[in-house]
Protein backbone atom coordinates (compact mmCIF):
# COMPACT_ATOMS: atom_id res chain seq x y z
CA MET A 1 -21.12 12.04 -24.19
CA ALA A 2 -18.80 10.12 -21.87
CA PRO A 3 -20.16 6.95 -20.27
CA ARG A 4 -20.93 7.27 -16.58
CA ALA A 5 -20.05 5.15 -13.58
CA GLY A 6 -21.36 4.82 -10.04
CA ILE A 7 -19.12 4.29 -7.03
CA VAL A 8 -20.25 2.57 -3.81
CA VAL A 9 -17.87 2.90 -0.86
CA THR A 10 -18.61 0.40 1.91
CA GLY A 11 -17.64 0.35 5.56
CA THR A 12 -19.34 1.54 8.73
CA GLU A 13 -16.05 3.14 9.77
CA VAL A 14 -16.21 5.33 6.63
CA LEU A 15 -19.93 6.03 6.97
CA THR A 16 -19.52 7.24 10.57
CA GLY A 17 -16.43 9.33 9.79
CA ARG A 18 -13.95 7.32 11.85
CA VAL A 19 -12.03 6.73 8.61
CA THR A 20 -11.88 9.34 5.83
CA ASP A 21 -12.99 8.11 2.43
CA ARG A 22 -9.92 8.15 0.19
CA ASN A 23 -11.21 5.66 -2.37
CA GLY A 24 -14.26 7.50 -3.71
CA PRO A 25 -12.40 10.69 -4.73
CA TRP A 26 -9.41 8.71 -6.06
CA LEU A 27 -11.61 6.46 -8.19
CA ALA A 28 -13.58 9.46 -9.47
CA GLU A 29 -10.40 11.14 -10.72
CA GLN A 30 -9.05 7.94 -12.28
CA LEU A 31 -12.35 7.38 -14.08
CA ARG A 32 -12.32 10.96 -15.37
CA ALA A 33 -8.78 10.51 -16.66
CA ALA A 34 -9.97 7.38 -18.44
CA GLY A 35 -12.84 9.25 -20.13
CA ILE A 36 -15.58 7.96 -17.83
CA ASP A 37 -17.77 10.44 -15.95
CA VAL A 38 -19.00 9.79 -12.41
CA ALA A 39 -22.71 9.94 -11.72
CA GLN A 40 -22.58 9.38 -7.96
CA VAL A 41 -20.43 8.31 -5.02
CA VAL A 42 -22.50 6.54 -2.37
CA VAL A 43 -21.16 5.59 1.08
CA VAL A 44 -22.88 2.77 2.99
CA GLY A 45 -22.13 0.81 6.14
CA ASP A 46 -21.54 -2.91 6.47
CA ARG A 47 -25.21 -3.81 6.06
CA PRO A 48 -26.17 -6.04 3.13
CA ASP A 49 -29.55 -4.38 2.54
CA ASP A 50 -27.96 -0.92 2.32
CA LEU A 51 -25.36 -2.17 -0.13
CA ARG A 52 -28.06 -3.74 -2.31
CA ASP A 53 -30.05 -0.49 -2.23
CA ALA A 54 -26.95 1.49 -3.26
CA LEU A 55 -26.23 -0.88 -6.14
CA ARG A 56 -29.84 -0.61 -7.29
CA PHE A 57 -29.70 3.19 -7.08
CA CYS A 58 -26.60 3.29 -9.29
CA VAL A 59 -28.00 0.86 -11.86
CA GLU A 60 -31.34 2.67 -12.06
CA SER A 61 -29.50 5.93 -12.79
CA GLY A 62 -28.32 4.39 -16.05
CA VAL A 63 -24.61 4.02 -15.42
CA ALA A 64 -22.45 1.82 -17.64
CA LEU A 65 -20.27 0.61 -14.78
CA VAL A 66 -20.48 0.26 -10.99
CA LEU A 67 -17.47 0.06 -8.69
CA THR A 68 -17.41 -0.89 -5.02
CA SER A 69 -14.63 -0.60 -2.49
CA GLY A 70 -14.29 -2.48 0.79
CA GLY A 71 -15.83 -5.54 2.37
CA LEU A 72 -13.49 -8.15 0.88
CA GLY A 73 -11.63 -9.18 4.03
CA PRO A 74 -11.78 -12.49 5.89
CA THR A 75 -14.13 -11.41 8.70
CA ALA A 76 -17.87 -12.04 9.01
CA ASP A 77 -18.84 -8.45 8.20
CA ASP A 78 -16.98 -8.51 4.87
CA LEU A 79 -19.93 -9.38 2.64
CA THR A 80 -19.47 -7.31 -0.51
CA ALA A 81 -18.61 -10.22 -2.84
CA GLU A 82 -21.61 -12.21 -1.62
CA VAL A 83 -24.03 -9.29 -1.92
CA VAL A 84 -22.78 -8.34 -5.41
CA ALA A 85 -23.05 -11.96 -6.55
CA GLY A 86 -26.69 -12.10 -5.50
CA PHE A 87 -27.41 -8.68 -7.02
CA GLN A 88 -25.93 -9.80 -10.34
CA GLY A 89 -27.85 -13.09 -10.24
CA ARG A 90 -24.84 -15.34 -9.65
CA THR A 91 -23.98 -18.10 -7.19
CA MET A 92 -20.69 -18.37 -5.29
CA SER A 93 -18.06 -21.08 -5.25
CA VAL A 94 -14.46 -21.56 -4.11
CA ASP A 95 -11.77 -20.83 -6.71
CA THR A 96 -9.17 -23.46 -5.76
CA ASP A 97 -6.32 -21.75 -7.60
CA LEU A 98 -7.14 -18.47 -5.87
CA ASP A 99 -7.36 -20.29 -2.53
CA ARG A 100 -3.79 -21.55 -2.94
CA GLU A 101 -2.57 -18.12 -4.06
CA ILE A 102 -4.07 -16.33 -1.06
CA ALA A 103 -2.78 -19.04 1.30
CA GLY A 104 0.73 -18.45 -0.03
CA ILE A 105 0.39 -14.69 0.47
CA VAL A 106 -0.85 -15.13 4.03
CA GLU A 107 1.98 -17.55 4.80
CA ARG A 108 4.60 -15.09 3.53
CA ILE A 109 3.10 -12.23 5.52
CA SER A 110 2.93 -14.33 8.67
CA ARG A 111 6.52 -15.48 8.29
CA ASN A 112 7.84 -11.95 7.63
CA ARG A 113 6.02 -10.53 10.64
CA GLY A 114 6.69 -13.41 12.98
CA TRP A 115 3.01 -14.22 13.52
CA GLN A 116 1.83 -17.56 14.92
CA MET A 117 -1.33 -18.39 12.97
CA ASP A 118 -4.05 -20.89 13.84
CA PRO A 119 -4.01 -23.23 10.81
CA GLU A 120 -7.74 -23.98 10.92
CA ALA A 121 -8.79 -20.34 11.32
CA THR A 122 -6.34 -19.24 8.63
CA ALA A 123 -7.67 -21.85 6.18
CA ALA A 124 -11.26 -20.74 6.82
CA ALA A 125 -10.36 -17.08 6.31
CA THR A 126 -8.48 -17.86 3.10
CA ARG A 127 -11.37 -19.94 1.78
CA LYS A 128 -13.79 -17.08 2.44
CA GLN A 129 -11.69 -14.65 0.39
CA ALA A 130 -11.34 -17.25 -2.39
CA THR A 131 -15.12 -17.76 -2.63
CA VAL A 132 -16.13 -15.70 -5.65
CA PRO A 133 -19.16 -15.24 -7.90
CA ASP A 134 -19.40 -17.77 -10.71
CA GLY A 135 -18.52 -16.17 -14.03
CA ALA A 136 -16.58 -13.31 -12.43
CA ALA A 137 -13.11 -12.29 -13.56
CA VAL A 138 -10.62 -12.37 -10.70
CA LEU A 139 -8.15 -9.47 -10.34
CA ALA A 140 -4.92 -10.62 -8.72
CA PRO A 141 -4.59 -9.61 -5.05
CA VAL A 142 -2.28 -6.76 -4.11
CA GLY A 143 -2.76 -7.64 -0.44
CA THR A 144 -4.75 -10.73 0.45
CA ALA A 145 -8.10 -9.76 -1.10
CA PRO A 146 -8.72 -10.33 -4.82
CA GLY A 147 -10.69 -7.89 -6.92
CA LEU A 148 -13.62 -9.02 -9.03
CA VAL A 149 -15.38 -8.00 -12.22
CA VAL A 150 -18.88 -9.42 -11.96
CA PRO A 151 -21.05 -9.28 -15.11
CA ALA A 152 -24.81 -9.16 -14.76
CA THR A 153 -26.80 -12.18 -15.87
CA GLY A 154 -29.26 -9.79 -17.52
CA ASP A 155 -28.85 -6.38 -19.14
CA GLY A 156 -27.32 -4.53 -16.21
CA PRO A 157 -23.81 -3.06 -16.01
CA PRO A 158 -20.87 -5.03 -14.65
CA VAL A 159 -19.85 -4.43 -11.03
CA VAL A 160 -16.15 -4.06 -10.23
CA VAL A 161 -15.46 -5.15 -6.65
CA LEU A 162 -12.27 -3.67 -5.17
CA PRO A 163 -10.60 -3.96 -1.75
CA GLY A 164 -10.87 -1.18 0.82
CA PRO A 165 -7.22 -0.43 1.69
CA PRO A 166 -6.21 2.39 -0.69
CA ARG A 167 -2.80 0.87 -1.44
CA GLU A 168 -4.43 -2.37 -2.59
CA LEU A 169 -7.20 -0.66 -4.55
CA GLN A 170 -4.81 1.67 -6.35
CA GLY A 171 -2.41 -1.14 -7.17
CA MET A 172 -5.27 -3.07 -8.77
CA TRP A 173 -6.49 -0.21 -10.97
CA PRO A 174 -4.45 -1.04 -14.12
CA ALA A 175 -5.99 -4.52 -14.10
CA VAL A 176 -9.47 -2.96 -13.93
CA LEU A 177 -8.89 -0.82 -17.02
CA ALA A 178 -7.42 -3.81 -18.88
CA ASP A 179 -10.36 -6.13 -18.14
CA PRO A 180 -12.33 -6.99 -21.34
CA THR A 181 -15.72 -6.73 -19.63
CA VAL A 182 -14.92 -3.28 -18.27
CA ARG A 183 -13.55 -2.11 -21.62
CA ALA A 184 -16.67 -3.31 -23.43
CA ALA A 185 -18.95 -1.56 -20.93
CA VAL A 186 -17.26 1.81 -21.41
CA GLN A 187 -16.22 1.51 -25.05
CA ALA A 188 -17.81 4.88 -25.83
CA ARG A 189 -15.45 6.66 -23.43
CA SER A 190 -13.89 9.88 -24.65
CA GLU A 191 -11.45 12.44 -23.31
CA LEU A 192 -12.86 14.37 -20.37
CA ARG A 193 -10.64 17.28 -19.39
CA GLN A 194 -10.44 19.03 -16.04
CA ALA A 195 -8.82 22.36 -15.23
CA THR A 196 -8.40 24.23 -11.95
CA ILE A 197 -7.87 27.95 -11.39
CA ARG A 198 -7.10 29.21 -7.86
CA LEU A 199 -7.69 32.66 -6.35
CA TRP A 200 -6.64 34.16 -3.03
CA GLY A 201 -8.40 37.14 -1.52
CA PRO A 202 -11.75 37.74 -3.19
CA PRO A 203 -14.96 36.58 -1.49
CA GLU A 204 -17.20 34.03 -3.16
CA SER A 205 -19.73 36.74 -3.94
CA GLU A 206 -17.25 38.54 -6.21
CA LEU A 207 -16.43 35.32 -8.03
CA SER A 208 -20.14 34.62 -8.51
CA ALA A 209 -20.67 38.14 -9.86
CA SER A 210 -17.77 37.70 -12.28
CA LEU A 211 -19.16 34.45 -13.63
CA ARG A 212 -22.59 36.04 -14.04
CA ARG A 213 -21.11 38.96 -15.99
CA HIS A 214 -19.68 36.51 -18.48
CA ASP A 215 -22.75 34.31 -18.64
CA GLY A 216 -23.03 32.61 -22.03
CA GLU A 217 -19.31 32.77 -22.81
CA PHE A 218 -18.50 29.40 -21.26
CA ASP A 219 -20.85 26.99 -22.99
CA GLY A 220 -19.59 23.43 -22.80
CA LEU A 221 -17.96 23.86 -19.40
CA GLU A 222 -19.24 22.28 -16.22
CA ILE A 223 -17.97 24.85 -13.69
CA THR A 224 -17.90 24.31 -9.94
CA THR A 225 -16.48 26.64 -7.31
CA CYS A 226 -15.22 25.77 -3.84
CA LEU A 227 -13.88 27.81 -0.91
CA ARG A 228 -11.09 25.89 0.81
CA SER A 229 -9.06 27.45 3.66
CA GLY A 230 -9.55 30.89 2.17
CA GLU A 231 -8.63 29.87 -1.38
CA LEU A 232 -11.25 29.90 -4.11
CA GLU A 233 -11.02 26.99 -6.55
CA VAL A 234 -12.71 27.18 -9.94
CA VAL A 235 -12.83 23.70 -11.44
CA SER A 236 -14.00 23.06 -15.00
CA ARG A 237 -14.81 19.73 -16.65
CA TYR A 238 -15.22 19.69 -20.39
CA ALA A 239 -14.79 17.85 -23.68
CA PRO A 240 -11.78 18.80 -25.86
CA GLU A 241 -13.95 20.82 -28.24
CA ALA A 242 -14.82 23.18 -25.36
CA GLN A 243 -11.17 24.19 -24.83
CA PRO A 244 -11.76 27.68 -26.32
CA ALA A 245 -14.44 28.26 -23.68
CA GLN A 246 -11.98 27.24 -20.96
CA ASP A 247 -9.43 29.66 -22.39
CA ARG A 248 -12.06 32.42 -22.26
CA LEU A 249 -12.80 31.56 -18.63
CA GLY A 250 -9.13 31.85 -17.68
CA ALA A 251 -8.80 35.17 -19.48
CA ALA A 252 -11.98 36.57 -17.91
CA LEU A 253 -10.92 35.64 -14.38
CA ALA A 254 -7.43 37.06 -14.94
CA ALA A 255 -8.94 40.35 -16.16
CA ASP A 256 -11.37 40.55 -13.24
CA PHE A 257 -9.04 39.52 -10.41
CA GLY A 258 -5.49 40.33 -11.50
CA ASP A 259 -2.89 39.22 -8.95
CA GLN A 260 -5.57 37.58 -6.82
CA LEU A 261 -5.54 34.80 -9.41
CA PHE A 262 -2.37 33.15 -8.14
CA SER A 263 -2.62 29.80 -9.94
CA PRO A 264 -3.93 29.76 -13.51
CA ASP A 265 -2.83 26.17 -14.07
CA GLY A 266 -4.04 24.51 -10.87
CA ALA A 267 -0.66 24.44 -9.10
CA SER A 268 -1.09 24.41 -5.33
CA ILE A 269 0.23 27.14 -3.09
CA ASP A 270 2.73 24.56 -1.76
CA GLU A 271 4.08 23.94 -5.26
CA ILE A 272 4.25 27.66 -6.05
CA VAL A 273 6.18 28.46 -2.87
CA ALA A 274 8.55 25.55 -3.49
CA ALA A 275 9.19 26.72 -7.06
CA ALA A 276 9.83 30.31 -5.92
CA LEU A 277 12.36 29.15 -3.33
CA LEU A 278 14.11 26.82 -5.78
CA ASP A 279 14.14 29.36 -8.62
CA GLY A 280 15.63 31.97 -6.33
CA GLY A 281 18.13 29.59 -4.77
CA LEU A 282 16.69 30.52 -1.37
CA THR A 283 16.40 28.68 1.94
CA ILE A 284 13.72 29.02 4.60
CA ALA A 285 13.22 28.36 8.32
CA THR A 286 10.24 28.78 10.63
CA ALA A 287 9.61 29.73 14.25
CA GLU A 288 6.09 28.68 15.24
CA SER A 289 4.09 28.98 18.41
CA CYS A 290 0.34 28.33 17.96
CA THR A 291 0.85 26.25 14.81
CA ALA A 292 3.52 24.14 16.56
CA GLY A 293 5.42 23.06 13.45
CA LEU A 294 2.47 22.66 11.08
CA LEU A 295 3.94 25.17 8.62
CA ALA A 296 7.31 23.40 8.63
CA GLY A 297 5.49 20.12 8.06
CA ARG A 298 3.57 21.60 5.14
CA LEU A 299 6.74 23.02 3.60
CA THR A 300 8.39 19.60 3.77
CA ASP A 301 5.45 17.62 2.39
CA LEU A 302 6.85 17.92 -1.14
CA ALA A 303 9.68 15.69 -2.26
CA GLY A 304 12.97 17.55 -2.60
CA SER A 305 12.12 20.08 0.11
CA SER A 306 15.50 19.50 1.78
CA ALA A 307 16.93 21.75 -0.93
CA TYR A 308 15.27 24.81 0.61
CA VAL A 309 13.89 23.95 4.09
CA LEU A 310 16.72 24.02 6.62
CA GLY A 311 14.62 23.56 9.75
CA GLY A 312 11.91 24.82 12.04
CA LEU A 313 11.63 25.92 15.65
CA VAL A 314 8.57 25.08 17.76
CA THR A 315 8.65 27.86 20.34
CA TYR A 316 5.48 27.21 22.28
CA SER A 317 6.52 28.69 25.61
CA ASP A 318 7.84 32.18 26.29
CA GLU A 319 11.14 30.63 27.36
CA ALA A 320 11.45 28.73 24.08
CA LYS A 321 10.84 31.92 22.14
CA THR A 322 13.70 33.54 23.99
CA GLU A 323 16.15 30.65 24.13
CA LEU A 324 15.53 29.09 20.68
CA ALA A 325 14.41 31.98 18.50
CA GLY A 326 16.33 34.71 20.29
CA VAL A 327 13.26 36.83 21.04
CA PRO A 328 14.22 39.40 23.71
CA ALA A 329 12.63 38.48 27.03
CA GLU A 330 11.89 42.17 27.65
CA LEU A 331 9.81 42.27 24.44
CA VAL A 332 7.68 39.31 25.53
CA GLU A 333 7.22 40.75 29.03
CA ARG A 334 6.24 44.18 27.75
CA LEU A 335 3.96 43.26 24.81
CA GLY A 336 3.04 39.65 25.43
CA ALA A 337 3.92 36.59 23.37
CA VAL A 338 1.00 37.22 21.01
CA SER A 339 2.05 40.47 19.38
CA ALA A 340 3.21 41.78 16.04
CA GLU A 341 6.63 42.64 17.43
CA VAL A 342 7.20 39.12 18.75
CA ALA A 343 6.20 37.62 15.40
CA VAL A 344 8.81 39.82 13.71
CA ALA A 345 11.45 38.82 16.24
CA MET A 346 10.59 35.15 15.73
CA ALA A 347 10.95 35.46 11.95
CA GLU A 348 14.28 37.22 12.25
CA GLY A 349 15.38 34.76 14.92
CA ALA A 350 14.58 31.77 12.67
CA ARG A 351 16.68 33.31 9.90
CA ARG A 352 19.54 34.06 12.19
CA ARG A 353 19.61 30.79 14.15
CA LEU A 354 19.33 28.53 11.08
CA GLY A 355 21.20 30.76 8.65
CA THR A 356 18.48 30.99 6.01
CA ASP A 357 17.40 33.59 3.48
CA VAL A 358 13.75 33.56 4.59
CA GLY A 359 12.29 33.30 8.08
CA VAL A 360 8.69 32.95 9.20
CA GLY A 361 7.33 33.80 12.65
CA ILE A 362 3.86 32.79 13.88
CA THR A 363 2.33 33.48 17.29
CA GLY A 364 -1.32 33.49 18.28
CA VAL A 365 -4.20 32.13 20.35
CA ALA A 366 -5.52 28.91 18.80
CA GLY A 367 -8.00 28.22 21.60
CA PRO A 368 -10.37 27.03 22.73
CA GLY A 369 -9.07 28.66 25.92
CA GLY A 370 -6.43 31.26 26.61
CA GLY A 371 -8.14 34.21 24.97
CA THR A 372 -8.73 37.62 26.54
CA PRO A 373 -10.81 40.63 25.43
CA GLU A 374 -7.61 42.23 24.14
CA LYS A 375 -6.25 39.06 22.56
CA PRO A 376 -9.19 36.79 21.71
CA VAL A 377 -9.11 33.23 20.45
CA GLY A 378 -8.34 33.28 16.74
CA LEU A 379 -5.94 36.25 16.89
CA VAL A 380 -2.68 35.40 15.12
CA HIS A 381 0.32 37.55 14.22
CA LEU A 382 2.54 36.43 11.33
CA CYS A 383 5.74 37.78 9.82
CA VAL A 384 7.79 36.68 6.82
CA SER A 385 11.27 38.14 6.52
CA GLY A 386 13.47 37.73 3.46
CA PRO A 387 15.87 39.34 1.00
CA ASN A 388 13.09 41.53 -0.40
CA GLY A 389 12.10 42.94 2.96
CA ARG A 390 9.50 42.00 5.49
CA LEU A 391 5.78 41.25 5.37
CA ALA A 392 3.70 41.24 8.58
CA ARG A 393 0.03 40.54 9.10
CA GLU A 394 -2.56 40.26 11.87
CA ILE A 395 -5.46 37.89 11.25
CA HIS A 396 -8.58 36.89 13.17
CA VAL A 397 -9.67 33.34 12.33
CA PRO A 398 -13.07 32.05 13.46
CA GLY A 399 -13.77 28.42 14.24
CA SER A 400 -12.18 25.61 16.16
CA ARG A 401 -8.57 25.22 17.26
CA ALA A 402 -7.92 23.09 14.16
CA ASP A 403 -9.52 25.78 11.95
CA VAL A 404 -7.29 28.50 13.40
CA ARG A 405 -4.12 26.46 12.96
CA GLN A 406 -4.93 25.26 9.45
CA ARG A 407 -6.01 28.66 8.14
CA THR A 408 -2.94 30.30 9.67
CA VAL A 409 -0.64 27.93 7.78
CA VAL A 410 -2.36 28.76 4.49
CA VAL A 411 -2.08 32.50 5.18
CA ALA A 412 1.62 32.05 5.95
CA LEU A 413 2.21 30.21 2.67
CA HIS A 414 0.55 33.02 0.73
CA MET A 415 2.61 35.60 2.58
CA ILE A 416 5.78 33.72 1.59
CA ARG A 417 4.56 33.63 -2.03
CA THR A 418 3.81 37.34 -1.98
CA LEU A 419 7.18 38.29 -0.50
CA LEU A 420 9.12 36.11 -2.95
CA THR A 421 7.27 37.20 -6.08
CA ARG A 422 6.83 40.94 -5.54
C-alpha cells in the first residue's frame, strides 16, 4: 500500500475563493506520480489556530508526510513557518546564511524593477523570511521565500513547508523529493497509476448502470466519475498489478458506449481536435458572436496551434456579422442574428474570409438579458463547415452567462471532432 500524505493549503484569499487553489491539485498529482497517495487536501485561512487544527487533523489520520503551501512571505499574516515550528516542537532562529541569500535576491529584484526600497523595512522583511525552525532543512528559494522540511521532535511525520506562488512551489518540488527526511518518510512508496477515459453524450445514469453491470470485474481499481462541461470522465487509480482490471474497464466502456467514448487514453478534446487538424493538413477559422472569441482562444491554447488556426472573427453586432463574416444583411433582418441560417453563414464566411478548410459559426443568447419567448437565454446555434460537409446544431444551455459560453465552446469542439473524424 502506498504511503499517504496530507496537504494543507493556507491563505484567506484561497479559502474565500478570491484566488483559485492551484497548489493542492498540482501537489496531489505530483505525489501520485511519486508513488505517494493523498489522504486529504485541507484549505484554511491565515489564522494560526486553524492551521494548527489542520495539521493535527492530517497527523491524526496517519499520514507519512504533511505538506503546506503559502504563508511564507514577509508580511505579518505570513505565519506558516512559525506555526509549523511550534506544532513540531521546535524553536525559531535566524539563519544568517539564508538572510544574506534572500537579501541578495531582493536587491536584484529591486534593481531590475527600478524599486526604491526602505533599507530598514527591507532588512526586517528579509530577516523574517530567514527565521526558520531549528533542525529544519532549508530548500533554496525560487522567489524570495525558502521552503522548509521540518521534522517532528517526537514520532510524527515531517512537515514540508512550501511557498504559495505556484511558480515558486513547482520550482522547488525536485528539492522536496530529493530531501533525505522526505525520502525516509515515504520509503515504502510504490507505483500508483492513474488512467482517464472520456465520454461525450451519455448521461451519468447510463454510465452508472454500465459500471453496475460489470460489478466485480474491476477489483483493484479506485474508480471515480465526474461530469465536466458535458463530458464524462472516468478516472481510475490503481497499483500495477491491477492493470488487467483497467484493461477490462476500457473494453467494457468501449462495448457499452461505442463512439461516445471519444478518448480511451485521457487525451483532451482540445488535443484530439488539434491532432485531427494536423493529421489532415487542415486549417480552421471561427466567427463567434455570443462566445466572443472564446473558441478561438481555446483552439490556440495548445503550443503549435499556429499551424492550423489562421484566425477568428468576433462578430458581436449585426453589422459585424455582415461586414466581417459576410453574412447577408437580408438574412439577419428576416430571421434574426440568433438563427441556424446565420450560424451557417458565419461558418462559411469565416472559411471564405480567412481562406481556411474549416469554419465555425456560433450565435446565441448568453444572457442574463436579451432573451425572448421565441429565443430564450441559453439558445445557441452552431455550425461547422469543412471538406467533409457541414454539421449544424441547436442547443439550449441552462445556467449563468459563463455556463452558456463555456458549454457552447465544448460543444463546438466536439462538433469539429465529429466532422473531421466521420
